[in-house]
Amino acid sequence: MREIGPGFHFDAFMREYVAQGAGRTLDEAVAHWHATRRQAAEPQPVGAQFEFNRFLRDWHSRHPGGSRTEALAAWRDHRSRPRG
């Protein structure tokens, strides 16, 4: 908490750092956290395995005043369509 603060979470930048960083120190991880905050604040692509999240992000960007209920109805409609 003292080094990073209450906002720490394992985002994509930290998950990749940990997965590829055997032998690194906690101090190096803290430095990586701080170094990636600006980039982490920018919208990141949503992985293909998270189709629902990607759909909702796209839907809300097209319908900024849309409700959760409307977004979920659009998702159900989207998923009911044949895949090509």
Protein backbone atom coordinates (compact mmCIF):
# COMPACT_ATOMS: atom_id res chain seq x y z
CA MET A 1 0.00 0.00 0.00
CA ARG A 2 2.80 2.42 0.86
CA GLU A 3 4.70 1.84 -2.39
CA ILE A 4 1.84 1.53 -4.88
CA GLY A 5 -1.34 2.71 -3.18
CA PRO A 6 -4.85 1.30 -2.91
CA GLY A 7 -5.41 1.24 -6.69
CA PHE A 8 -3.10 -1.70 -7.38
CA HIS A 9 -4.56 -4.60 -9.32
CA PHE A 10 -3.19 -7.24 -11.67
CA ASP A 11 -4.00 -5.64 -14.99
CA ALA A 12 -2.69 -6.96 -18.30
CA PHE A 13 0.63 -5.12 -17.87
CA MET A 14 1.28 -6.68 -14.47
CA ARG A 15 0.07 -10.15 -15.46
CA GLU A 16 2.49 -10.16 -18.39
CA TYR A 17 5.30 -8.80 -16.23
CA VAL A 18 4.84 -11.52 -13.63
CA ALA A 19 4.42 -14.29 -16.22
CA GLN A 20 7.66 -13.36 -17.98
CA GLY A 21 9.66 -12.13 -15.01
CA ALA A 22 11.08 -15.01 -13.02
CA GLY A 23 13.81 -13.75 -10.74
CA ARG A 24 12.71 -10.12 -10.67
CA THR A 25 12.43 -8.30 -7.38
CA LEU A 26 9.37 -6.76 -5.79
CA ASP A 27 11.08 -3.39 -6.13
CA GLU A 28 11.33 -3.96 -9.90
CA ALA A 29 7.64 -4.89 -10.01
CA VAL A 30 6.73 -1.65 -8.22
CA ALA A 31 8.81 0.32 -10.73
CA HIS A 32 7.06 -1.50 -13.59
CA TRP A 33 3.65 -0.67 -12.09
CA HIS A 34 4.47 3.03 -11.96
CA ALA A 35 6.04 3.01 -15.43
CA THR A 36 2.94 1.50 -17.05
CA ARG A 37 0.21 3.64 -15.46
CA ARG A 38 -0.06 6.17 -18.30
CA GLN A 39 -0.37 3.43 -20.92
CA ALA A 40 -2.73 1.43 -18.69
CA ALA A 41 -5.09 4.42 -18.47
CA GLU A 42 -5.59 4.35 -22.24
CA PRO A 43 -8.24 2.05 -23.74
CA GLN A 44 -6.74 -1.37 -24.34
CA PRO A 45 -7.86 -3.97 -26.87
CA VAL A 46 -10.05 -6.66 -25.36
CA GLY A 47 -8.80 -10.19 -26.02
CA ALA A 48 -10.80 -12.47 -28.29
CA GLN A 49 -11.67 -14.74 -25.35
CA PHE A 50 -13.60 -11.82 -23.82
CA GLU A 51 -16.17 -11.40 -26.59
CA PHE A 52 -18.87 -10.21 -24.17
CA ASN A 53 -16.63 -7.45 -22.76
CA ARG A 54 -15.57 -6.38 -26.26
CA PHE A 55 -19.19 -6.29 -27.41
CA LEU A 56 -20.24 -4.16 -24.44
CA ARG A 57 -17.37 -1.72 -24.93
CA ASP A 58 -18.24 -1.31 -28.60
CA TRP A 59 -21.97 -1.08 -27.92
CA HIS A 60 -21.55 1.61 -25.25
CA SER A 61 -19.28 3.64 -27.52
CA ARG A 62 -22.06 3.64 -30.14
CA HIS A 63 -24.84 4.21 -27.55
CA PRO A 64 -23.31 6.43 -24.84
CA GLY A 65 -26.66 7.01 -23.13
CA GLY A 66 -27.70 3.36 -23.34
CA SER A 67 -28.67 1.39 -20.28
CA ARG A 68 -27.32 -1.94 -19.07
CA THR A 69 -30.67 -3.53 -19.89
CA GLU A 70 -30.47 -2.30 -23.48
CA ALA A 71 -26.87 -3.46 -23.82
CA LEU A 72 -27.73 -6.94 -22.54
CA ALA A 73 -30.70 -7.17 -24.92
CA ALA A 74 -28.39 -6.21 -27.79
CA TRP A 75 -25.91 -8.88 -26.65
CA ARG A 76 -28.59 -11.56 -26.59
CA ASP A 77 -29.69 -10.51 -30.07
CA HIS A 78 -26.09 -10.57 -31.30
CA ARG A 79 -25.47 -14.05 -29.86
CA SER A 80 -28.69 -15.45 -31.33
CA ARG A 81 -27.59 -14.69 -34.90
CA PRO A 82 -25.95 -17.40 -37.02
CA ARG A 83 -22.17 -17.28 -37.17
CA GLY A 84 -20.57 -16.94 -40.56
